[in-house]
Structure formats: structure tokens, C-alpha cells
N, C-alpha and C. Protein backbone atom coordinates (compact mmCIF):
# COMPACT_ATOMS: atom_id res chain seq x y z
N MET A 1 48.78 143.68 -49.43
CA MET A 1 47.65 143.81 -48.41
C MET A 1 46.40 144.55 -49.26
N ALA A 2 45.58 144.12 -49.81
CA ALA A 2 44.63 145.02 -50.34
C ALA A 2 43.78 146.17 -49.59
N GLN A 3 43.50 147.45 -49.97
CA GLN A 3 43.04 148.34 -49.39
C GLN A 3 41.60 148.11 -49.53
N PHE A 4 41.05 148.72 -48.69
CA PHE A 4 39.53 148.18 -48.40
C PHE A 4 38.34 149.62 -48.27
N PHE A 5 37.69 150.15 -49.24
CA PHE A 5 36.73 151.41 -49.28
C PHE A 5 35.21 150.76 -49.56
N SER A 6 34.52 151.44 -48.67
CA SER A 6 33.15 151.32 -48.40
C SER A 6 32.65 152.55 -48.99
N ILE A 7 32.10 152.34 -50.11
CA ILE A 7 31.62 153.55 -50.87
C ILE A 7 30.33 153.70 -51.19
N HIS A 8 29.30 154.59 -50.70
CA HIS A 8 28.24 154.72 -50.86
C HIS A 8 27.17 153.99 -52.33
N PRO A 9 26.01 153.28 -52.57
CA PRO A 9 26.34 153.13 -53.71
C PRO A 9 25.37 154.06 -54.27
N GLU A 10 24.44 155.17 -53.71
CA GLU A 10 23.68 156.24 -54.40
C GLU A 10 24.45 157.01 -54.34
N ASN A 11 25.24 157.88 -53.23
CA ASN A 11 26.16 158.86 -53.21
C ASN A 11 27.70 158.85 -53.05
N PRO A 12 28.08 158.38 -54.15
CA PRO A 12 29.85 158.06 -53.90
C PRO A 12 30.57 159.18 -53.46
N GLN A 13 31.37 158.63 -52.17
CA GLN A 13 32.09 159.63 -51.99
C GLN A 13 33.36 160.37 -52.64
N GLN A 14 33.54 161.47 -53.10
CA GLN A 14 34.23 161.90 -54.09
C GLN A 14 35.73 161.85 -53.68
N ARG A 15 35.92 161.61 -52.33
CA ARG A 15 37.48 161.67 -51.83
C ARG A 15 37.80 160.25 -51.87
N LEU A 16 37.17 159.07 -51.92
CA LEU A 16 37.20 157.88 -51.90
C LEU A 16 37.51 157.11 -53.09
N ILE A 17 36.46 158.14 -54.41
CA ILE A 17 36.69 158.06 -55.74
C ILE A 17 37.60 158.44 -56.35
N ASP A 18 38.43 159.49 -55.66
CA ASP A 18 39.54 160.33 -56.17
C ASP A 18 40.63 159.03 -55.81
N GLN A 19 40.49 158.79 -54.65
CA GLN A 19 41.65 157.61 -54.13
C GLN A 19 41.80 156.44 -54.94
N THR A 20 40.92 155.97 -55.57
CA THR A 20 40.44 154.69 -56.23
C THR A 20 41.22 155.15 -57.55
N VAL A 21 40.77 156.27 -58.34
CA VAL A 21 41.76 156.47 -59.86
C VAL A 21 43.39 156.85 -59.26
N ASP A 22 43.47 157.14 -58.23
CA ASP A 22 45.00 157.21 -58.10
C ASP A 22 45.61 156.16 -57.94
N ILE A 23 44.86 155.16 -57.32
CA ILE A 23 45.22 153.32 -57.38
C ILE A 23 45.65 153.17 -58.63
N LEU A 24 44.38 153.27 -59.32
CA LEU A 24 44.49 152.71 -60.96
C LEU A 24 45.72 153.15 -61.70
N ARG A 25 46.06 154.70 -61.67
CA ARG A 25 46.77 155.54 -62.45
C ARG A 25 48.17 154.99 -61.98
N ARG A 26 48.23 154.28 -60.75
CA ARG A 26 49.71 153.97 -60.20
C ARG A 26 49.88 152.67 -60.36
N GLY A 27 49.00 152.03 -61.50
CA GLY A 27 49.22 150.45 -61.87
C GLY A 27 48.27 149.47 -61.01
N GLY A 28 47.53 150.05 -60.25
CA GLY A 28 46.62 149.09 -59.42
C GLY A 28 45.80 148.12 -59.96
N LEU A 29 45.51 147.34 -59.42
CA LEU A 29 44.33 146.38 -59.75
C LEU A 29 43.05 146.41 -59.02
N ILE A 30 42.00 146.82 -59.23
CA ILE A 30 40.96 146.75 -58.36
C ILE A 30 39.74 146.04 -58.37
N VAL A 31 38.88 145.69 -57.54
CA VAL A 31 37.61 145.01 -57.43
C VAL A 31 36.53 146.05 -57.54
N TYR A 32 35.56 146.28 -58.32
CA TYR A 32 34.77 147.44 -58.17
C TYR A 32 33.10 146.91 -58.21
N PRO A 33 32.07 147.49 -57.78
CA PRO A 33 30.84 147.20 -57.96
C PRO A 33 30.34 147.54 -59.43
N THR A 34 29.81 147.04 -60.28
CA THR A 34 28.65 146.95 -61.33
C THR A 34 27.55 147.01 -61.46
N ASP A 35 26.86 146.81 -62.47
CA ASP A 35 25.31 146.46 -62.18
C ASP A 35 24.75 145.19 -62.43
N SER A 36 25.84 144.67 -62.55
CA SER A 36 25.91 142.83 -62.87
C SER A 36 26.94 142.09 -61.98
N ALA A 37 27.05 142.31 -60.92
CA ALA A 37 28.03 141.76 -59.94
C ALA A 37 29.30 142.52 -60.05
N TYR A 38 30.20 142.02 -59.28
CA TYR A 38 31.76 142.54 -59.06
C TYR A 38 32.52 142.38 -60.27
N ALA A 39 33.42 143.21 -60.50
CA ALA A 39 34.35 143.01 -61.64
C ALA A 39 35.76 143.47 -61.14
N LEU A 40 36.75 142.96 -61.59
CA LEU A 40 38.04 143.55 -61.68
C LEU A 40 38.61 144.67 -63.00
N GLY A 41 39.06 145.55 -62.59
CA GLY A 41 39.57 146.61 -63.39
C GLY A 41 40.62 146.98 -63.17
N CYS A 42 41.43 147.68 -64.35
CA CYS A 42 42.81 148.24 -64.41
C CYS A 42 42.57 149.25 -65.49
N GLN A 43 43.67 149.96 -65.66
CA GLN A 43 43.86 151.03 -67.01
C GLN A 43 43.89 150.19 -68.05
N ILE A 44 43.92 150.65 -69.18
CA ILE A 44 43.80 150.39 -70.48
C ILE A 44 45.16 149.66 -70.98
N GLY A 45 45.85 150.82 -70.59
CA GLY A 45 47.20 150.55 -71.49
C GLY A 45 48.13 149.45 -70.39
N ASP A 46 48.13 148.96 -69.27
CA ASP A 46 48.38 148.67 -68.22
C ASP A 46 48.88 147.21 -68.43
N LYS A 47 50.04 146.63 -69.12
CA LYS A 47 50.12 145.48 -69.35
C LYS A 47 50.36 144.49 -68.22
N MET A 48 51.28 145.03 -67.32
CA MET A 48 51.20 144.16 -65.96
C MET A 48 50.13 143.79 -65.41
N ALA A 49 48.94 144.87 -65.08
CA ALA A 49 47.80 144.62 -64.25
C ALA A 49 47.05 143.42 -65.00
N LEU A 50 47.03 143.89 -66.69
CA LEU A 50 46.31 142.83 -67.37
C LEU A 50 46.85 141.74 -67.37
N ASP A 51 48.00 141.29 -67.22
CA ASP A 51 48.46 139.80 -67.06
C ASP A 51 48.14 139.57 -65.67
N ARG A 52 47.96 140.27 -64.77
CA ARG A 52 47.57 139.64 -63.36
C ARG A 52 46.14 139.15 -63.35
N VAL A 53 45.53 140.05 -63.99
CA VAL A 53 43.75 139.62 -64.21
C VAL A 53 43.76 138.19 -64.77
N ARG A 54 44.76 138.23 -66.01
CA ARG A 54 44.68 136.91 -66.42
C ARG A 54 45.15 135.66 -65.56
N ALA A 55 46.15 135.88 -64.99
CA ALA A 55 46.38 134.93 -63.66
C ALA A 55 45.48 134.67 -62.46
N ILE A 56 44.63 135.70 -62.33
CA ILE A 56 43.51 135.35 -61.17
C ILE A 56 42.21 134.54 -61.83
N ARG A 57 41.94 135.18 -63.04
CA ARG A 57 41.03 134.21 -63.78
C ARG A 57 41.20 132.84 -64.32
N HIS A 58 42.74 132.77 -64.61
CA HIS A 58 43.24 131.69 -65.68
C HIS A 58 42.97 131.95 -66.82
N LEU A 59 42.80 132.95 -67.62
CA LEU A 59 42.22 133.35 -69.20
C LEU A 59 43.29 132.92 -69.89
N ASP A 60 42.82 132.53 -71.06
CA ASP A 60 43.57 132.24 -72.27
C ASP A 60 43.64 133.48 -73.00
N LYS A 61 44.39 133.20 -74.40
CA LYS A 61 44.68 134.32 -75.16
C LYS A 61 43.50 134.86 -76.11
N HIS A 62 42.69 134.14 -75.91
CA HIS A 62 41.24 134.23 -76.67
C HIS A 62 40.11 134.68 -75.86
N HIS A 63 40.38 134.97 -74.66
CA HIS A 63 39.00 136.06 -73.91
C HIS A 63 39.44 137.22 -74.37
N ASN A 64 37.75 137.62 -74.66
CA ASN A 64 37.23 138.85 -75.18
C ASN A 64 37.16 139.96 -73.83
N PHE A 65 38.30 140.58 -73.45
CA PHE A 65 38.08 141.94 -72.62
C PHE A 65 37.11 143.13 -72.89
N THR A 66 37.02 143.44 -72.02
CA THR A 66 35.89 144.41 -72.12
C THR A 66 36.04 145.99 -71.87
N LEU A 67 35.80 146.95 -72.35
CA LEU A 67 36.42 148.21 -71.79
C LEU A 67 34.87 149.03 -71.27
N MET A 68 35.29 149.09 -70.09
CA MET A 68 33.85 149.92 -69.66
C MET A 68 34.21 151.31 -69.46
N CYS A 69 32.96 151.65 -70.36
CA CYS A 69 32.68 153.30 -70.73
C CYS A 69 31.64 153.96 -69.84
N ARG A 70 31.69 155.38 -69.81
CA ARG A 70 30.90 156.13 -69.12
C ARG A 70 29.44 156.33 -69.90
N ASP A 71 29.89 156.34 -71.06
CA ASP A 71 28.89 156.96 -72.05
C ASP A 71 29.14 156.40 -73.18
N LEU A 72 28.06 156.32 -74.36
CA LEU A 72 28.15 156.08 -75.83
C LEU A 72 29.23 156.84 -76.42
N SER A 73 29.48 158.15 -76.25
CA SER A 73 30.22 159.15 -76.62
C SER A 73 31.76 158.44 -77.14
N GLU A 74 32.16 157.55 -76.11
CA GLU A 74 33.49 157.04 -76.18
C GLU A 74 33.49 155.47 -77.05
N LEU A 75 32.60 155.13 -77.40
CA LEU A 75 32.15 154.18 -78.51
C LEU A 75 33.25 154.43 -79.46
N ALA A 76 32.92 155.19 -80.40
CA ALA A 76 33.57 155.46 -81.44
C ALA A 76 34.94 155.54 -81.88
N THR A 77 35.48 155.81 -80.38
CA THR A 77 37.23 155.79 -80.59
C THR A 77 37.79 154.44 -80.51
N TYR A 78 36.75 153.54 -79.86
CA TYR A 78 37.55 151.95 -79.48
C TYR A 78 37.07 151.28 -80.34
N ALA A 79 35.64 151.48 -81.24
CA ALA A 79 34.92 150.43 -81.67
C ALA A 79 34.28 150.99 -83.09
N ARG A 80 34.22 150.16 -83.96
CA ARG A 80 33.24 150.26 -85.19
C ARG A 80 31.90 150.32 -85.22
N VAL A 81 30.95 150.83 -85.25
CA VAL A 81 29.53 150.75 -84.89
C VAL A 81 28.96 151.47 -86.09
N THR A 82 27.86 150.94 -86.43
CA THR A 82 27.13 151.24 -87.44
C THR A 82 25.65 152.00 -87.19
N ASN A 83 25.12 152.20 -87.75
CA ASN A 83 23.56 152.98 -87.15
C ASN A 83 22.87 152.26 -86.47
N ALA A 84 22.28 150.76 -87.11
CA ALA A 84 21.79 150.09 -86.41
C ALA A 84 22.29 149.71 -85.12
N ASP A 85 23.59 149.50 -84.98
CA ASP A 85 24.35 148.73 -83.68
C ASP A 85 24.01 150.17 -82.72
N PHE A 86 24.36 151.37 -83.14
CA PHE A 86 24.22 152.51 -82.23
C PHE A 86 22.62 152.52 -81.75
N ARG A 87 21.90 152.09 -82.60
CA ARG A 87 20.33 152.35 -82.09
C ARG A 87 19.86 151.63 -80.98
N LEU A 88 20.72 150.03 -81.44
CA LEU A 88 20.52 149.11 -80.37
C LEU A 88 21.21 149.52 -79.12
N LEU A 89 22.51 150.22 -79.03
CA LEU A 89 23.20 150.26 -78.05
C LEU A 89 22.58 151.45 -77.10
N LYS A 90 21.91 152.05 -78.08
CA LYS A 90 21.30 153.52 -77.11
C LYS A 90 20.25 153.04 -76.53
N ALA A 91 19.23 151.93 -77.02
CA ALA A 91 18.04 151.37 -76.32
C ALA A 91 18.65 150.74 -74.89
N TYR A 92 19.61 149.87 -75.12
CA TYR A 92 20.11 149.27 -73.93
C TYR A 92 21.38 149.62 -73.04
N THR A 93 21.71 150.97 -72.97
CA THR A 93 22.66 151.38 -72.22
C THR A 93 22.35 152.79 -71.83
N PRO A 94 22.36 152.75 -70.23
CA PRO A 94 23.63 151.82 -69.31
C PRO A 94 22.39 150.78 -69.29
N GLY A 95 23.26 149.79 -68.81
CA GLY A 95 22.42 148.27 -68.45
C GLY A 95 23.74 147.12 -68.37
N PRO A 96 23.04 145.94 -67.96
CA PRO A 96 24.02 145.21 -67.84
C PRO A 96 24.30 144.18 -69.13
N PHE A 97 24.74 144.73 -69.91
CA PHE A 97 25.34 144.19 -71.23
C PHE A 97 26.53 144.28 -71.94
N THR A 98 27.09 143.61 -72.12
CA THR A 98 28.18 143.81 -73.12
C THR A 98 27.86 143.66 -74.32
N PHE A 99 28.45 144.10 -75.45
CA PHE A 99 28.06 144.35 -76.89
C PHE A 99 29.80 144.09 -77.54
N ILE A 100 29.83 142.94 -77.98
CA ILE A 100 31.02 142.33 -78.78
C ILE A 100 31.02 143.24 -80.41
N LEU A 101 32.11 144.00 -80.63
CA LEU A 101 31.93 145.10 -81.88
C LEU A 101 33.49 145.01 -82.18
N ASP A 102 33.46 145.27 -83.79
CA ASP A 102 35.12 144.95 -83.96
C ASP A 102 35.94 146.51 -83.30
N ALA A 103 37.18 146.02 -83.00
CA ALA A 103 37.86 147.01 -82.65
C ALA A 103 38.78 148.07 -83.38
N THR A 104 39.07 149.18 -82.97
CA THR A 104 39.65 150.13 -83.97
C THR A 104 40.91 150.19 -83.52
N SER A 105 41.97 150.71 -84.11
CA SER A 105 43.74 150.61 -83.57
C SER A 105 43.66 151.38 -82.54
N GLU A 106 42.92 151.73 -81.97
CA GLU A 106 43.08 152.46 -80.58
C GLU A 106 43.12 151.44 -79.30
N VAL A 107 42.62 150.70 -79.41
CA VAL A 107 42.60 149.33 -78.95
C VAL A 107 43.75 148.38 -78.82
N PRO A 108 44.31 148.36 -77.67
CA PRO A 108 45.77 147.56 -77.56
C PRO A 108 45.33 146.61 -78.10
N ARG A 109 46.46 145.70 -78.69
CA ARG A 109 46.48 144.21 -79.17
C ARG A 109 46.01 143.27 -78.40
N ARG A 110 46.57 143.46 -77.14
CA ARG A 110 46.45 142.77 -76.25
C ARG A 110 45.26 142.49 -75.72
N LEU A 111 44.36 143.33 -75.63
CA LEU A 111 42.91 143.45 -75.29
C LEU A 111 42.01 142.63 -76.50
N MET A 112 42.39 142.79 -77.63
CA MET A 112 41.23 142.29 -78.48
C MET A 112 41.49 140.75 -78.33
N HIS A 113 40.50 140.15 -79.29
CA HIS A 113 40.20 138.68 -79.32
C HIS A 113 41.64 138.56 -80.63
N PRO A 114 42.49 137.44 -80.58
CA PRO A 114 43.53 137.66 -81.21
C PRO A 114 43.24 137.36 -82.73
N LYS A 115 42.28 136.68 -83.03
CA LYS A 115 41.72 136.31 -84.28
C LYS A 115 40.74 137.13 -85.18
N ARG A 116 39.96 137.30 -84.38
CA ARG A 116 38.49 137.86 -84.79
C ARG A 116 39.05 139.84 -84.46
N LYS A 117 39.86 139.90 -83.82
CA LYS A 117 40.06 141.83 -83.58
C LYS A 117 38.72 142.21 -83.35
N THR A 118 38.20 141.74 -81.94
CA THR A 118 37.03 142.31 -81.56
C THR A 118 37.32 142.69 -79.85
N ILE A 119 36.36 143.45 -79.63
CA ILE A 119 36.32 144.02 -78.13
C ILE A 119 34.94 144.34 -77.61
N GLY A 120 35.16 144.07 -76.26
CA GLY A 120 33.48 144.31 -75.71
C GLY A 120 33.74 145.26 -75.30
N MET A 121 32.39 146.12 -75.21
CA MET A 121 31.79 147.41 -74.67
C MET A 121 30.86 147.60 -73.97
N ARG A 122 30.91 148.19 -72.75
CA ARG A 122 29.68 148.19 -72.21
C ARG A 122 29.69 149.76 -71.53
N VAL A 123 28.44 150.11 -71.00
CA VAL A 123 28.18 150.79 -70.00
C VAL A 123 27.23 150.71 -68.93
N PRO A 124 27.82 150.90 -67.91
CA PRO A 124 27.27 150.17 -66.51
C PRO A 124 26.12 151.06 -66.05
N ASP A 125 25.01 150.64 -65.39
CA ASP A 125 23.98 151.01 -64.65
C ASP A 125 24.24 150.98 -63.08
N ASN A 126 25.63 151.44 -63.02
CA ASN A 126 25.96 151.68 -61.60
C ASN A 126 26.75 153.22 -60.97
N ARG A 127 26.22 153.76 -59.69
CA ARG A 127 26.65 155.17 -59.67
C ARG A 127 28.33 154.82 -59.17
N ILE A 128 28.73 153.83 -58.83
CA ILE A 128 30.05 154.10 -58.44
C ILE A 128 30.91 153.68 -59.53
N ALA A 129 30.54 152.76 -60.37
CA ALA A 129 31.40 152.72 -61.68
C ALA A 129 31.42 153.79 -62.67
N LEU A 130 30.10 154.49 -62.77
CA LEU A 130 30.07 155.63 -63.58
C LEU A 130 31.16 156.74 -62.75
N ALA A 131 31.14 157.15 -61.52
CA ALA A 131 31.63 158.35 -60.93
C ALA A 131 33.43 157.51 -61.05
N LEU A 132 33.84 156.54 -60.97
CA LEU A 132 35.00 156.30 -61.51
C LEU A 132 35.29 156.54 -62.73
N LEU A 133 34.50 156.01 -63.93
CA LEU A 133 34.80 156.22 -65.34
C LEU A 133 35.08 157.74 -65.34
N GLU A 134 34.11 158.58 -64.52
CA GLU A 134 33.88 160.15 -65.01
C GLU A 134 35.30 160.60 -64.50
N ARG A 135 35.97 160.10 -63.22
CA ARG A 135 37.00 160.93 -62.74
C ARG A 135 38.68 160.35 -63.37
N LEU A 136 38.20 159.29 -63.87
CA LEU A 136 39.37 158.59 -64.84
C LEU A 136 39.87 159.29 -66.17
N GLY A 137 38.39 159.53 -66.72
CA GLY A 137 38.30 160.34 -67.99
C GLY A 137 38.61 159.53 -69.11
N GLU A 138 38.62 158.15 -69.12
CA GLU A 138 38.73 156.81 -70.11
C GLU A 138 38.07 155.70 -69.86
N PRO A 139 38.07 154.86 -70.69
CA PRO A 139 37.26 153.57 -70.16
C PRO A 139 38.25 152.52 -69.26
N LEU A 140 37.81 151.87 -68.68
CA LEU A 140 38.62 150.78 -67.67
C LEU A 140 38.35 149.50 -68.37
N MET A 141 39.40 148.77 -68.43
CA MET A 141 39.64 147.48 -68.70
C MET A 141 39.24 146.46 -67.80
N THR A 142 38.24 145.98 -67.99
CA THR A 142 37.31 144.98 -67.08
C THR A 142 36.99 143.48 -67.43
N CYS A 143 36.87 142.83 -66.42
CA CYS A 143 36.31 141.41 -66.63
C CYS A 143 35.49 140.97 -65.18
N SER A 144 34.64 140.13 -65.58
CA SER A 144 34.00 139.48 -64.51
C SER A 144 34.69 139.08 -63.63
N LEU A 145 34.22 138.88 -62.26
CA LEU A 145 35.03 138.20 -61.08
C LEU A 145 34.61 137.03 -60.88
N ILE A 146 34.83 136.23 -61.79
CA ILE A 146 34.33 134.66 -61.82
C ILE A 146 35.69 133.90 -61.44
N LEU A 147 35.81 133.45 -60.36
CA LEU A 147 37.23 132.53 -60.17
C LEU A 147 37.14 131.32 -61.20
N PRO A 148 38.26 130.81 -61.59
CA PRO A 148 38.68 129.45 -61.95
C PRO A 148 37.91 128.40 -61.10
N GLY A 149 37.01 127.46 -61.84
CA GLY A 149 36.03 126.40 -61.41
C GLY A 149 34.98 126.94 -60.90
N GLU A 150 34.66 128.29 -60.73
CA GLU A 150 32.97 129.03 -60.58
C GLU A 150 32.19 129.24 -61.79
N GLU A 151 30.76 129.02 -61.67
CA GLU A 151 29.94 129.66 -62.51
C GLU A 151 29.58 130.64 -62.52
N LEU A 152 29.52 131.54 -61.13
CA LEU A 152 28.96 132.58 -60.75
C LEU A 152 30.07 133.48 -60.20
N PRO A 153 29.62 134.65 -60.31
CA PRO A 153 30.77 135.88 -60.21
C PRO A 153 30.71 135.96 -58.29
N LEU A 154 31.59 136.55 -57.87
CA LEU A 154 31.82 136.55 -56.57
C LEU A 154 30.94 137.51 -55.92
N THR A 155 30.19 137.58 -54.84
CA THR A 155 29.20 138.61 -54.72
C THR A 155 29.54 139.38 -53.42
N ASP A 156 30.35 138.92 -52.41
CA ASP A 156 30.40 139.44 -50.96
C ASP A 156 31.75 140.06 -51.08
N PRO A 157 31.94 141.60 -50.72
CA PRO A 157 33.34 142.04 -50.83
C PRO A 157 34.08 141.72 -49.42
N TYR A 158 33.92 141.37 -48.66
CA TYR A 158 34.42 141.00 -47.25
C TYR A 158 35.28 139.48 -47.73
N ASP A 159 34.61 138.89 -48.74
CA ASP A 159 34.84 137.37 -49.04
C ASP A 159 35.74 137.52 -49.93
N ILE A 160 35.49 138.64 -51.17
CA ILE A 160 36.79 139.05 -52.19
C ILE A 160 37.98 139.47 -51.47
N ARG A 161 37.93 139.97 -50.52
CA ARG A 161 39.00 140.72 -49.96
C ARG A 161 39.73 139.63 -49.39
N GLN A 162 39.47 138.43 -48.60
CA GLN A 162 39.89 137.84 -48.15
C GLN A 162 40.78 136.87 -49.05
N LEU A 163 39.70 136.49 -50.07
CA LEU A 163 40.59 135.59 -51.28
C LEU A 163 41.59 136.46 -52.13
N LEU A 164 41.53 137.62 -52.19
CA LEU A 164 42.27 138.36 -53.29
C LEU A 164 43.25 139.43 -52.53
N GLU A 165 43.23 139.42 -51.42
CA GLU A 165 43.77 140.60 -50.74
C GLU A 165 45.46 140.70 -50.98
N HIS A 166 46.30 139.78 -51.27
CA HIS A 166 47.42 139.89 -51.64
C HIS A 166 47.65 140.00 -53.27
N GLN A 167 46.32 139.95 -54.08
CA GLN A 167 46.37 139.81 -55.50
C GLN A 167 45.75 141.32 -56.32
N VAL A 168 45.32 141.89 -55.28
CA VAL A 168 44.67 143.27 -55.91
C VAL A 168 45.15 144.04 -54.90
N GLU A 169 45.40 145.59 -55.51
CA GLU A 169 45.59 146.85 -54.44
C GLU A 169 44.39 147.37 -53.50
N LEU A 170 43.18 146.92 -54.15
CA LEU A 170 41.99 147.82 -53.61
C LEU A 170 40.68 146.55 -54.25
N VAL A 171 39.97 146.64 -52.95
CA VAL A 171 38.45 145.89 -52.92
C VAL A 171 37.68 147.14 -52.49
N ILE A 172 36.44 147.26 -53.40
CA ILE A 172 35.31 148.52 -52.86
C ILE A 172 34.01 147.55 -52.64
N ASP A 173 33.53 148.22 -51.31
CA ASP A 173 32.36 147.52 -50.95
C ASP A 173 31.42 148.65 -51.17
N GLY A 174 30.58 148.16 -52.30
CA GLY A 174 29.67 148.76 -53.07
C GLY A 174 28.27 148.38 -52.95
N GLY A 175 27.76 147.46 -51.66
CA GLY A 175 26.67 146.86 -51.42
C GLY A 175 26.45 145.51 -52.73
N PHE A 176 25.53 145.19 -52.36
CA PHE A 176 24.85 143.75 -53.42
C PHE A 176 24.42 144.26 -54.75
N CYS A 177 25.13 143.86 -55.78
CA CYS A 177 25.17 144.35 -57.02
C CYS A 177 24.86 142.92 -57.90
N GLY A 178 24.09 141.99 -57.28
CA GLY A 178 23.56 140.84 -58.31
C GLY A 178 24.54 139.47 -58.61
N LEU A 179 24.11 138.58 -58.82
CA LEU A 179 24.48 137.38 -58.65
C LEU A 179 24.81 136.90 -60.25
N GLU A 180 24.33 137.57 -61.32
CA GLU A 180 24.22 137.13 -62.56
C GLU A 180 25.49 137.95 -63.24
N PRO A 181 26.30 137.81 -64.41
CA PRO A 181 27.19 138.41 -65.31
C PRO A 181 26.45 139.01 -66.26
N THR A 182 26.91 139.83 -67.18
CA THR A 182 25.96 140.57 -67.97
C THR A 182 25.62 139.51 -69.13
N THR A 183 24.89 140.09 -70.03
CA THR A 183 24.14 139.40 -71.11
C THR A 183 25.10 139.97 -72.44
N VAL A 184 25.81 138.89 -73.33
CA VAL A 184 26.89 139.45 -74.28
C VAL A 184 26.16 139.29 -75.51
N VAL A 185 26.08 140.37 -76.17
CA VAL A 185 25.54 140.55 -77.65
C VAL A 185 26.75 140.70 -78.53
N ASP A 186 26.78 139.96 -79.47
CA ASP A 186 27.69 140.10 -80.55
C ASP A 186 27.39 140.98 -82.04
N LEU A 187 27.77 141.73 -82.12
CA LEU A 187 27.22 143.15 -83.27
C LEU A 187 28.06 142.97 -84.22
N THR A 188 29.01 141.72 -84.37
CA THR A 188 30.00 141.55 -85.47
C THR A 188 29.50 141.17 -86.85
N GLU A 189 28.85 140.65 -86.70
CA GLU A 189 27.89 139.77 -87.96
C GLU A 189 26.64 140.98 -88.28
N GLU A 190 26.03 140.22 -89.43
CA GLU A 190 24.87 141.35 -90.07
C GLU A 190 23.70 141.21 -89.38
N VAL A 191 23.79 140.05 -88.28
CA VAL A 191 22.54 139.91 -87.47
C VAL A 191 22.88 140.01 -86.21
N PRO A 192 22.58 140.56 -85.20
CA PRO A 192 23.02 140.93 -83.86
C PRO A 192 22.56 139.14 -83.36
N ARG A 193 23.20 139.22 -82.39
CA ARG A 193 22.90 137.64 -81.34
C ARG A 193 23.28 137.61 -80.40
N VAL A 194 22.47 136.88 -79.20
CA VAL A 194 22.86 137.09 -77.79
C VAL A 194 23.79 135.57 -77.74
N VAL A 195 24.93 135.72 -77.46
CA VAL A 195 26.02 134.77 -77.31
C VAL A 195 26.31 134.29 -75.83
N ARG A 196 25.54 135.03 -74.86
CA ARG A 196 25.54 134.58 -73.29
C ARG A 196 24.34 135.13 -72.81
N GLN A 197 23.39 134.61 -72.05
CA GLN A 197 22.28 134.88 -71.42
C GLN A 197 22.45 135.42 -70.15
N GLY A 198 22.73 136.42 -69.50
CA GLY A 198 23.01 136.91 -68.16
C GLY A 198 21.92 137.84 -67.79
N ARG A 199 22.07 138.74 -67.11
CA ARG A 199 21.29 139.62 -66.31
C ARG A 199 20.15 140.62 -67.50
N GLY A 200 21.13 140.88 -68.50
CA GLY A 200 19.93 142.03 -69.37
C GLY A 200 19.32 141.05 -70.19
N LYS A 201 18.15 141.41 -70.77
CA LYS A 201 17.16 140.68 -71.24
C LYS A 201 16.98 141.71 -72.62
N ILE A 202 17.18 140.88 -73.79
CA ILE A 202 16.79 141.58 -74.89
C ILE A 202 15.96 140.69 -76.18
N GLU A 203 14.57 140.70 -75.97
CA GLU A 203 13.67 139.71 -76.17
C GLU A 203 13.61 139.21 -77.51
N GLU A 204 14.33 140.51 -78.15
CA GLU A 204 13.81 140.58 -79.79
C GLU A 204 14.73 139.65 -80.63
N LEU A 205 16.24 139.46 -79.81
CA LEU A 205 17.11 139.00 -80.68
C LEU A 205 17.75 137.28 -80.02
N GLU A 206 18.23 136.71 -81.07
CA GLU A 206 18.18 135.31 -81.30
C GLU A 206 19.47 135.03 -80.43
N THR A 207 18.91 133.85 -79.80
CA THR A 207 20.22 133.62 -78.51
C THR A 207 21.14 132.48 -79.28
N GLU A 208 22.15 132.50 -79.18
CA GLU A 208 22.94 131.44 -79.75
C GLU A 208 22.87 129.96 -78.95
């Protein structure tokens, strides 16, 4: 049975943030709010939790997972970033964007796209998510909470709890945080391009 925390979206209670991080460190899988809908999250190196994410979402081995970062300073550890890429990242983070980058050897192979060796990276504009990342001290492995057969993410924490109460350890109610997933921007080629248009808008980039 999943625990259920109501965390204030503007002033997250530190006690609940600490308890959430303890759950993550014990191998827990959580549902938490971001700036573009609710997401599933677990620790980077936790293979069992990652397998559970794949099962909930019905994901194949080609799915590009995302590392949720507290700020851009964590990017260089996990991704190769050119000066031009960094300028774009700096302009649009924090925000509802996922950037596909070439992964470094610090990223576990099971998180990468198996052929392209890429990883998604993002910095959320959400105080609960940022408080969790600050307390955890490392990025969170994450993906949008879009269930099989659905086009949009789940939005109501009470519905999420009812649907996933035996599949996750914790559901965080952080209020309404939108219907749209992130905009995905591929930075692995010479010219950046938008491969999925979501909540974030970058007018000057080409859309696939």
C-alpha cells in the first residue's frame, strides 16, 4: 500500500521531503509533481525500481530515460555538452523541457538508449521536485506518468494512488501541475530540433 504525502507546492515541508528521500534510498519508487505533470522517480542505480517503471509504463529497451537534475552543474557529470548546447540549456532551464544529450560513462547503460548512447536531462521549475533533488544530492531517474494506452499523463494524485497503490511506495500530492508532458529537444546532432512538442515553447527551433 503506497504512502500518501500532501506537500505544499510553494513551501515544501522539510520533514516530508526527508521522508521521501529515505524512501528513495531504500529502493522505493515514487510519484511526484514536476512543472509538466506528475512523474515516476527512483534512484539512478536502482535496477529493480527501474524494472518496475518499465512494467508500469510498458516501456521497451529503446525508451530514453531522463535524469532530473537540481541545476546545470550536474550536467557535465552525466552528459557531453558543447558551448552552444550550454547556452540553450541555460536559457530554458529550469523549465518544462527534456534535452537529449550524449551520455558519459557515469550513466548506467540500462538508462541509455541502447543504440544511440543518449540520455534525457532536465531541470524542473517545481519547488517540491527541486527540494527532493537538493536533499537527495544527485539526479533522480524519472519518466512521465503516462499509462499504457493513454496519450496524456495522470494529473490527480488521488486517482494515481488508487491506480498504483500496490506498484509504488509513495504518491506525493503537490497540487495541479499541468496536463502536458515536457517538450523534448534533441541536442545530439549539429542542429538542435524539437522531437516532441509539449508544454515548453522554443520558437526558434525546428520541429521534427
